[in-house]
Structure formats: structure tokens, C-alpha cells
Amino acid sequence: MALLTEPEWQALNLSLSVATRSVLFSLPFAIFIAWLLTRRRFIGRTVFDAFVHLPLVLPPVVVGYLLLLLFGMRAPLGGWLYNTFGIELIFSTAGAALATAVMSFPLMVRAIRLSLENIDTGLEDAAKTLGAGAFDRFFTITLPLMLPGVLAGAVTAFAAGLGEFGAVITFVSNIPGETRTLPLALYTALQSPDGDAMAARLAAISFSLGLTGLLLSEVLARAMRKRLGR
């Protein structure tokens, strides 16, 4: 007897795909935003900082609803993307990845900011006096030193993305093989009269993946700090 049924494997694979795509999509933006909030002072910085971290305090359903307003077929951005590029986010795997990315984005930014704040700016200043440009300083000094935070943030966001429910089901619904990730499959199993066994297996998988992700995040961050001598 197989450990998991076909629908369960499908939900697991879809969750891994959605979480991976969400991290790959949002990581460059998270690095830039973390650098901007740490290294630059500008008017409205506090409001912008609060806006970036808003998904941490908003109900996920509200985030999903706002995504509907922005990326629905009749919404400004959603309609433009579909008419111009043929991209349809609502009720799609890509939309699930977008919703997951929005919810996990603040976790990445926070981890990267903590790492960036611990970097001695004197190293960057010294490189500047030697003639290194802004991009050279960032890619040769700043980015390597902030890698522990980048890795920790990416893995934490990936683990959080595996468990995202509210924003996903609100924005892209619960479609088997398309948007039914592990949390949605677990929810569906709980609504079925004979779904207790499936729900237990899916809950165990979610617990294991989440714990593994958090442990891996800590191990990677410590390894990188040790390698950098921090």
C-alpha cells in the first residue's frame, strides 16, 4: 500500500512548487527592500517599512481579497497582464505562488535586515576610498556578508509558504492539481466524512516540512556565520 494517495502526492508536489516559485520570485525584491530600509533614509521611510510588513498583521483572507482587487480578470493590473501578456493569475498555480510570496515576503526582509545591520559599514567605506563603485561594493562586500540572513530568510519563507492557506484559497480558490496545496488539501479532507486518515497524513507531512525548514534555516545561518568568521 502506498504511503500517500495520488491526490496527496499531487498536493505535496504542488506545495513544493508554489513555495519554491514564491521564494525565487520575491528574493531579489526582499534583498533590495532590506538594503533600502537599512542603508537609506528618505521621507516616508517609516510608512513604507510598515507597509512592507503589513502582511504579518493582516488576516491572510484580507491579503487574498486585496490581490483579487488588483489581479482579478476585471481588475486594473490583472486585466492588463492578461490582455498584454496572456498572464492569468487568478485561479492558477502562478496566482498561488504570488499569494504565498506576498505573505512570506516580510519574513525574508526581516531576516536579511538583521544580517545587514550587523555588517560593519567601515568595510564599505574603505572600499569606497579605494575607488570601488556602489555596485562593486554591494556585490563583493555587502552581499557576501549578508548571505547568512539571505539564506535564513529564504528557507524560512519557503517553510512558511508551504503552510499558507487564507490568502491562497481567497485569491485562487481550491482547485485540485492547480491550486490545492497541502493546507487546502488538509482542509478538504477535514470536510469529508471519511477524510480523517488523509487529514492525519497531510498534517504529519506539513509538521515535518515546517520543522525541517526551520531547523535548516538555523543550521545554514550558523554555518555561514562561522565561515565568515562572525
C-alpha atoms as a PDB file:
ATOM      1  CA  MET A   1       0.000   0.000   0.000  1.00  0.00           C
ATOM      2  CA  ALA A   2       1.400   3.428  -0.958  1.00  0.00           C
ATOM      3  CA  LEU A   3       2.272   5.817   1.833  1.00  0.00           C
ATOM      4  CA  LEU A   4       0.330   8.593   0.090  1.00  0.00           C
ATOM      5  CA  THR A   5      -2.508   8.560  -2.374  1.00  0.00           C
ATOM      6  CA  GLU A   6      -2.297  10.263  -5.751  1.00  0.00           C
ATOM      7  CA  PRO A   7      -4.205  13.393  -4.595  1.00  0.00           C
ATOM      8  CA  GLU A   8      -1.882  13.640  -1.576  1.00  0.00           C
ATOM      9  CA  TRP A   9       1.260  13.397  -3.742  1.00  0.00           C
ATOM     10  CA  GLN A  10      -0.273  15.974  -6.040  1.00  0.00           C
ATOM     11  CA  ALA A  11      -0.878  18.389  -3.160  1.00  0.00           C
ATOM     12  CA  LEU A  12       2.653  17.834  -1.809  1.00  0.00           C
ATOM     13  CA  ASN A  13       4.316  18.426  -5.174  1.00  0.00           C
ATOM     14  CA  LEU A  14       2.175  21.486  -5.802  1.00  0.00           C
ATOM     15  CA  SER A  15       3.058  22.926  -2.388  1.00  0.00           C
ATOM     16  CA  LEU A  16       6.780  22.443  -3.017  1.00  0.00           C
ATOM     17  CA  SER A  17       6.453  24.045  -6.454  1.00  0.00           C
ATOM     18  CA  VAL A  18       4.433  27.019  -5.199  1.00  0.00           C
ATOM     19  CA  ALA A  19       6.764  27.658  -2.246  1.00  0.00           C
ATOM     20  CA  THR A  20       9.861  27.440  -4.470  1.00  0.00           C
ATOM     21  CA  ARG A  21       8.444  29.792  -7.074  1.00  0.00           C
ATOM     22  CA  SER A  22       7.356  32.287  -4.435  1.00  0.00           C
ATOM     23  CA  VAL A  23      10.857  32.429  -2.927  1.00  0.00           C
ATOM     24  CA  LEU A  24      12.645  32.698  -6.277  1.00  0.00           C
ATOM     25  CA  PHE A  25      10.297  35.471  -7.355  1.00  0.00           C
ATOM     26  CA  SER A  26      10.452  37.578  -4.210  1.00  0.00           C
ATOM     27  CA  LEU A  27      14.060  37.065  -3.007  1.00  0.00           C
ATOM     28  CA  PRO A  28      15.668  39.760  -5.219  1.00  0.00           C
ATOM     29  CA  PHE A  29      13.000  42.249  -4.142  1.00  0.00           C
ATOM     30  CA  ALA A  30      13.482  41.289  -0.483  1.00  0.00           C
ATOM     31  CA  ILE A  31      17.229  41.910  -0.722  1.00  0.00           C
ATOM     32  CA  PHE A  32      16.683  45.304  -2.329  1.00  0.00           C
ATOM     33  CA  ILE A  33      13.977  46.374   0.153  1.00  0.00           C
ATOM     34  CA  ALA A  34      16.054  45.228   3.136  1.00  0.00           C
ATOM     35  CA  TRP A  35      19.054  47.182   1.842  1.00  0.00           C
ATOM     36  CA  LEU A  36      16.890  50.237   1.163  1.00  0.00           C
ATOM     37  CA  LEU A  37      15.380  50.237   4.665  1.00  0.00           C
ATOM     38  CA  THR A  38      18.760  49.692   6.325  1.00  0.00           C
ATOM     39  CA  ARG A  39      21.111  51.870   4.302  1.00  0.00           C
ATOM     40  CA  ARG A  40      18.930  54.744   3.131  1.00  0.00           C
ATOM     41  CA  ARG A  41      16.961  57.500   4.858  1.00  0.00           C
ATOM     42  CA  PHE A  42      14.082  59.042   2.934  1.00  0.00           C
ATOM     43  CA  ILE A  43      10.758  60.758   3.517  1.00  0.00           C
ATOM     44  CA  GLY A  44       8.041  58.239   4.330  1.00  0.00           C
ATOM     45  CA  ARG A  45      10.525  55.514   5.287  1.00  0.00           C
ATOM     46  CA  THR A  46       8.570  54.560   8.411  1.00  0.00           C
ATOM     47  CA  VAL A  47       5.305  54.289   6.492  1.00  0.00           C
ATOM     48  CA  PHE A  48       6.998  52.266   3.747  1.00  0.00           C
ATOM     49  CA  ASP A  49       8.519  49.962   6.383  1.00  0.00           C
ATOM     50  CA  ALA A  50       5.083  49.420   7.933  1.00  0.00           C
ATOM     51  CA  PHE A  51       3.562  48.729   4.509  1.00  0.00           C
ATOM     52  CA  VAL A  52       6.222  46.092   3.741  1.00  0.00           C
ATOM     53  CA  HIS A  53       5.475  44.263   6.981  1.00  0.00           C
ATOM     54  CA  LEU A  54       1.700  44.655   6.769  1.00  0.00           C
ATOM     55  CA  PRO A  55       1.058  41.019   5.707  1.00  0.00           C
ATOM     56  CA  LEU A  56       2.380  39.917   9.115  1.00  0.00           C
ATOM     57  CA  VAL A  57      -0.536  41.551  10.910  1.00  0.00           C
ATOM     58  CA  LEU A  58      -3.331  41.471   8.324  1.00  0.00           C
ATOM     59  CA  PRO A  59      -5.643  38.442   8.192  1.00  0.00           C
ATOM     60  CA  PRO A  60      -4.493  36.313   5.238  1.00  0.00           C
ATOM     61  CA  VAL A  61      -8.018  36.444   3.829  1.00  0.00           C
ATOM     62  CA  VAL A  62      -7.720  40.227   3.591  1.00  0.00           C
ATOM     63  CA  VAL A  63      -4.466  39.867   1.651  1.00  0.00           C
ATOM     64  CA  GLY A  64      -6.165  37.417  -0.701  1.00  0.00           C
ATOM     65  CA  TYR A  65      -9.071  39.807  -1.181  1.00  0.00           C
ATOM     66  CA  LEU A  66      -6.717  42.694  -1.967  1.00  0.00           C
ATOM     67  CA  LEU A  67      -4.955  40.502  -4.526  1.00  0.00           C
ATOM     68  CA  LEU A  68      -8.348  39.827  -6.091  1.00  0.00           C
ATOM     69  CA  LEU A  69      -8.960  43.550  -6.354  1.00  0.00           C
ATOM     70  CA  LEU A  70      -5.587  44.072  -8.025  1.00  0.00           C
ATOM     71  CA  PHE A  71      -5.128  40.945 -10.151  1.00  0.00           C
ATOM     72  CA  GLY A  72      -8.635  39.708 -10.894  1.00  0.00           C
ATOM     73  CA  MET A  73      -9.621  39.476 -14.549  1.00  0.00           C
ATOM     74  CA  ARG A  74     -11.545  42.753 -14.316  1.00  0.00           C
ATOM     75  CA  ALA A  75      -9.005  44.442 -12.059  1.00  0.00           C
ATOM     76  CA  PRO A  76      -6.564  47.065 -13.411  1.00  0.00           C
ATOM     77  CA  LEU A  77      -3.370  45.025 -13.119  1.00  0.00           C
ATOM     78  CA  GLY A  78      -4.956  41.648 -13.732  1.00  0.00           C
ATOM     79  CA  GLY A  79      -6.768  42.753 -16.853  1.00  0.00           C
ATOM     80  CA  TRP A  80      -3.659  44.463 -18.210  1.00  0.00           C
ATOM     81  CA  LEU A  81      -1.461  41.393 -17.621  1.00  0.00           C
ATOM     82  CA  TYR A  82      -3.965  39.126 -19.351  1.00  0.00           C
ATOM     83  CA  ASN A  83      -4.634  41.396 -22.328  1.00  0.00           C
ATOM     84  CA  THR A  84      -0.980  42.304 -22.847  1.00  0.00           C
ATOM     85  CA  PHE A  85       0.941  39.141 -21.982  1.00  0.00           C
ATOM     86  CA  GLY A  86      -1.753  36.469 -21.644  1.00  0.00           C
ATOM     87  CA  ILE A  87      -0.886  36.022 -17.950  1.00  0.00           C
ATOM     88  CA  GLU A  88      -3.822  34.858 -15.843  1.00  0.00           C
ATOM     89  CA  LEU A  89      -3.084  34.810 -12.122  1.00  0.00           C
ATOM     90  CA  ILE A  90      -6.496  34.207 -10.631  1.00  0.00           C
ATOM     91  CA  PHE A  91      -7.396  30.515 -10.128  1.00  0.00           C
ATOM     92  CA  SER A  92      -3.902  29.443 -11.221  1.00  0.00           C
ATOM     93  CA  THR A  93      -0.706  27.980  -9.779  1.00  0.00           C
ATOM     94  CA  ALA A  94       1.096  31.228 -10.588  1.00  0.00           C
ATOM     95  CA  GLY A  95      -1.518  33.094  -8.553  1.00  0.00           C
ATOM     96  CA  ALA A  96      -0.974  30.711  -5.638  1.00  0.00           C
ATOM     97  CA  ALA A  97       2.758  31.455  -5.827  1.00  0.00           C
ATOM     98  CA  LEU A  98       2.041  35.197  -5.851  1.00  0.00           C
ATOM     99  CA  ALA A  99      -0.229  34.992  -2.799  1.00  0.00           C
ATOM    100  CA  THR A 100       2.361  32.882  -0.982  1.00  0.00           C
ATOM    101  CA  ALA A 101       5.139  35.310  -1.912  1.00  0.00           C
ATOM    102  CA  VAL A 102       3.201  38.282  -0.551  1.00  0.00           C
ATOM    103  CA  MET A 103       2.541  36.540   2.766  1.00  0.00           C
ATOM    104  CA  SER A 104       6.116  35.322   3.278  1.00  0.00           C
ATOM    105  CA  PHE A 105       7.867  38.435   1.937  1.00  0.00           C
ATOM    106  CA  PRO A 106       8.142  40.248   5.316  1.00  0.00           C
ATOM    107  CA  LEU A 107       9.842  37.204   6.864  1.00  0.00           C
ATOM    108  CA  MET A 108      12.579  37.388   4.247  1.00  0.00           C
ATOM    109  CA  VAL A 109      13.002  41.137   4.616  1.00  0.00           C
ATOM    110  CA  ARG A 110      13.313  40.914   8.408  1.00  0.00           C
ATOM    111  CA  ALA A 111      15.938  38.161   8.289  1.00  0.00           C
ATOM    112  CA  ILE A 112      18.002  39.987   5.671  1.00  0.00           C
ATOM    113  CA  ARG A 113      17.757  43.302   7.548  1.00  0.00           C
ATOM    114  CA  LEU A 114      19.042  41.725  10.756  1.00  0.00           C
ATOM    115  CA  SER A 115      22.036  40.359   8.891  1.00  0.00           C
ATOM    116  CA  LEU A 116      22.643  43.634   7.071  1.00  0.00           C
ATOM    117  CA  GLU A 117      22.502  45.689  10.269  1.00  0.00           C
ATOM    118  CA  ASN A 118      25.353  43.620  11.716  1.00  0.00           C
ATOM    119  CA  ILE A 119      27.711  44.392   8.836  1.00  0.00           C
ATOM    120  CA  ASP A 120      30.468  46.874   9.640  1.00  0.00           C
ATOM    121  CA  THR A 121      29.873  49.796   7.293  1.00  0.00           C
ATOM    122  CA  GLY A 122      33.537  50.681   7.678  1.00  0.00           C
ATOM    123  CA  LEU A 123      34.362  47.889   5.240  1.00  0.00           C
ATOM    124  CA  GLU A 124      32.173  49.501   2.604  1.00  0.00           C
ATOM    125  CA  ASP A 125      33.649  52.932   3.340  1.00  0.00           C
ATOM    126  CA  ALA A 126      37.170  51.563   2.999  1.00  0.00           C
ATOM    127  CA  ALA A 127      36.323  50.009  -0.376  1.00  0.00           C
ATOM    128  CA  LYS A 128      34.822  53.323  -1.476  1.00  0.00           C
ATOM    129  CA  THR A 129      38.019  55.201  -0.663  1.00  0.00           C
ATOM    130  CA  LEU A 130      39.907  52.662  -2.793  1.00  0.00           C
ATOM    131  CA  GLY A 131      37.737  53.524  -5.772  1.00  0.00           C
ATOM    132  CA  ALA A 132      35.118  50.740  -5.665  1.00  0.00           C
ATOM    133  CA  GLY A 133      31.781  51.774  -7.126  1.00  0.00           C
ATOM    134  CA  ALA A 134      28.410  51.254  -5.471  1.00  0.00           C
ATOM    135  CA  PHE A 135      27.658  48.018  -7.354  1.00  0.00           C
ATOM    136  CA  ASP A 136      31.175  46.673  -6.756  1.00  0.00           C
ATOM    137  CA  ARG A 137      30.872  47.345  -3.022  1.00  0.00           C
ATOM    138  CA  PHE A 138      27.487  45.679  -2.845  1.00  0.00           C
ATOM    139  CA  PHE A 139      28.347  42.511  -4.763  1.00  0.00           C
ATOM    140  CA  THR A 140      31.852  41.990  -3.375  1.00  0.00           C
ATOM    141  CA  ILE A 141      31.395  43.076   0.253  1.00  0.00           C
ATOM    142  CA  THR A 142      27.807  43.653   1.350  1.00  0.00           C
ATOM    143  CA  LEU A 143      26.076  40.713  -0.325  1.00  0.00           C
ATOM    144  CA  PRO A 144      28.597  38.041   0.746  1.00  0.00           C
ATOM    145  CA  LEU A 145      28.467  39.276   4.342  1.00  0.00           C
ATOM    146  CA  MET A 146      24.668  39.272   4.423  1.00  0.00           C
ATOM    147  CA  LEU A 147      24.366  35.755   2.972  1.00  0.00           C
ATOM    148  CA  PRO A 148      23.504  34.185   6.369  1.00  0.00           C
ATOM    149  CA  GLY A 149      20.419  36.381   6.543  1.00  0.00           C
ATOM    150  CA  VAL A 150      19.564  35.796   2.890  1.00  0.00           C
ATOM    151  CA  LEU A 151      19.715  32.007   3.275  1.00  0.00           C
ATOM    152  CA  ALA A 152      17.867  32.029   6.587  1.00  0.00           C
ATOM    153  CA  GLY A 153      15.175  34.301   5.193  1.00  0.00           C
ATOM    154  CA  ALA A 154      14.743  32.244   2.025  1.00  0.00           C
ATOM    155  CA  VAL A 155      14.427  28.938   3.873  1.00  0.00           C
ATOM    156  CA  THR A 156      12.074  30.415   6.478  1.00  0.00           C
ATOM    157  CA  ALA A 157       9.908  31.938   3.751  1.00  0.00           C
ATOM    158  CA  PHE A 158       9.890  28.603   1.913  1.00  0.00           C
ATOM    159  CA  ALA A 159       8.749  26.778   5.054  1.00  0.00           C
ATOM    160  CA  ALA A 160       6.082  29.407   5.737  1.00  0.00           C
ATOM    161  CA  GLY A 161       4.933  29.217   2.125  1.00  0.00           C
ATOM    162  CA  LEU A 162       4.241  25.501   2.480  1.00  0.00           C
ATOM    163  CA  GLY A 163       1.633  26.316   5.106  1.00  0.00           C
ATOM    164  CA  GLU A 164      -0.060  29.346   3.554  1.00  0.00           C
ATOM    165  CA  PHE A 165      -3.842  28.904   3.436  1.00  0.00           C
ATOM    166  CA  GLY A 166      -6.010  32.003   3.769  1.00  0.00           C
ATOM    167  CA  ALA A 167      -4.534  34.190   1.039  1.00  0.00           C
ATOM    168  CA  VAL A 168      -4.284  31.266  -1.389  1.00  0.00           C
ATOM    169  CA  ILE A 169      -7.837  29.976  -1.029  1.00  0.00           C
ATOM    170  CA  THR A 170      -9.255  33.510  -1.223  1.00  0.00           C
ATOM    171  CA  PHE A 171      -7.293  34.515  -4.308  1.00  0.00           C
ATOM    172  CA  VAL A 172      -7.083  31.311  -6.358  1.00  0.00           C
ATOM    173  CA  SER A 173      -9.722  29.048  -4.773  1.00  0.00           C
ATOM    174  CA  ASN A 174      -9.273  25.313  -4.074  1.00  0.00           C
ATOM    175  CA  ILE A 175      -8.751  23.598  -7.428  1.00  0.00           C
ATOM    176  CA  PRO A 176      -7.293  20.049  -7.472  1.00  0.00           C
ATOM    177  CA  GLY A 177      -3.994  19.881  -9.337  1.00  0.00           C
ATOM    178  CA  GLU A 178      -3.895  23.654  -9.846  1.00  0.00           C
ATOM    179  CA  THR A 179      -4.160  25.469  -6.503  1.00  0.00           C
ATOM    180  CA  ARG A 180      -4.880  22.739  -3.923  1.00  0.00           C
ATOM    181  CA  THR A 181      -1.692  22.825  -1.879  1.00  0.00           C
ATOM    182  CA  LEU A 182      -1.127  20.842   1.341  1.00  0.00           C
ATOM    183  CA  PRO A 183      -3.125  23.179   3.629  1.00  0.00           C
ATOM    184  CA  LEU A 184      -6.030  23.283   1.180  1.00  0.00           C
ATOM    185  CA  ALA A 185      -5.922  19.505   0.746  1.00  0.00           C
ATOM    186  CA  LEU A 186      -5.972  19.137   4.542  1.00  0.00           C
ATOM    187  CA  TYR A 187      -8.955  21.491   4.757  1.00  0.00           C
ATOM    188  CA  THR A 188     -10.748  19.485   2.055  1.00  0.00           C
ATOM    189  CA  ALA A 189     -10.043  16.220   3.868  1.00  0.00           C
ATOM    190  CA  LEU A 190     -11.478  17.619   7.091  1.00  0.00           C
ATOM    191  CA  GLN A 191     -14.698  18.454   5.252  1.00  0.00           C
ATOM    192  CA  SER A 192     -15.054  14.859   4.005  1.00  0.00           C
ATOM    193  CA  PRO A 193     -16.847  12.247   6.171  1.00  0.00           C
ATOM    194  CA  ASP A 194     -14.088   9.681   5.593  1.00  0.00           C
ATOM    195  CA  GLY A 195     -11.157  12.070   5.355  1.00  0.00           C
ATOM    196  CA  ASP A 196      -9.680  11.615   8.841  1.00  0.00           C
ATOM    197  CA  ALA A 197      -6.853   9.344   7.719  1.00  0.00           C
ATOM    198  CA  MET A 198      -5.900  11.649   4.856  1.00  0.00           C
ATOM    199  CA  ALA A 199      -6.050  14.683   7.152  1.00  0.00           C
ATOM    200  CA  ALA A 200      -3.736  12.979   9.645  1.00  0.00           C
ATOM    201  CA  ARG A 201      -1.189  12.128   6.947  1.00  0.00           C
ATOM    202  CA  LEU A 202      -1.258  15.629   5.471  1.00  0.00           C
ATOM    203  CA  ALA A 203      -0.925  17.206   8.918  1.00  0.00           C
ATOM    204  CA  ALA A 204       2.085  14.989   9.669  1.00  0.00           C
ATOM    205  CA  ILE A 205       3.697  15.966   6.357  1.00  0.00           C
ATOM    206  CA  SER A 206       3.089  19.669   6.996  1.00  0.00           C
ATOM    207  CA  PHE A 207       4.521  19.395  10.519  1.00  0.00           C
ATOM    208  CA  SER A 208       7.623  17.585   9.271  1.00  0.00           C
ATOM    209  CA  LEU A 209       8.264  20.008   6.426  1.00  0.00           C
ATOM    210  CA  GLY A 210       7.805  23.053   8.641  1.00  0.00           C
ATOM    211  CA  LEU A 211      10.114  21.742  11.360  1.00  0.00           C
ATOM    212  CA  THR A 212      12.734  20.700   8.805  1.00  0.00           C
ATOM    213  CA  GLY A 213      12.633  24.129   7.191  1.00  0.00           C
ATOM    214  CA  LEU A 214      13.131  25.975  10.473  1.00  0.00           C
ATOM    215  CA  LEU A 215      15.990  23.701  11.546  1.00  0.00           C
ATOM    216  CA  LEU A 216      17.644  24.001   8.137  1.00  0.00           C
ATOM    217  CA  SER A 217      17.348  27.777   8.281  1.00  0.00           C
ATOM    218  CA  GLU A 218      19.172  27.897  11.613  1.00  0.00           C
ATOM    219  CA  VAL A 219      21.853  25.415  10.545  1.00  0.00           C
ATOM    220  CA  LEU A 220      22.575  27.291   7.312  1.00  0.00           C
ATOM    221  CA  ALA A 221      22.732  30.654   9.079  1.00  0.00           C
ATOM    222  CA  ARG A 222      25.161  29.325  11.703  1.00  0.00           C
ATOM    223  CA  ALA A 223      27.332  27.650   9.069  1.00  0.00           C
ATOM    224  CA  MET A 224      27.546  30.835   7.024  1.00  0.00           C
ATOM    225  CA  ARG A 225      28.325  32.968  10.086  1.00  0.00           C
ATOM    226  CA  LYS A 226      31.075  30.554  11.086  1.00  0.00           C
ATOM    227  CA  ARG A 227      32.504  30.589   7.578  1.00  0.00           C
ATOM    228  CA  LEU A 228      32.523  34.377   7.535  1.00  0.00           C
ATOM    229  CA  GLY A 229      34.069  34.479  11.000  1.00  0.00           C
ATOM    230  CA  ARG A 230      31.117  36.229  12.627  1.00  0.00           C
END
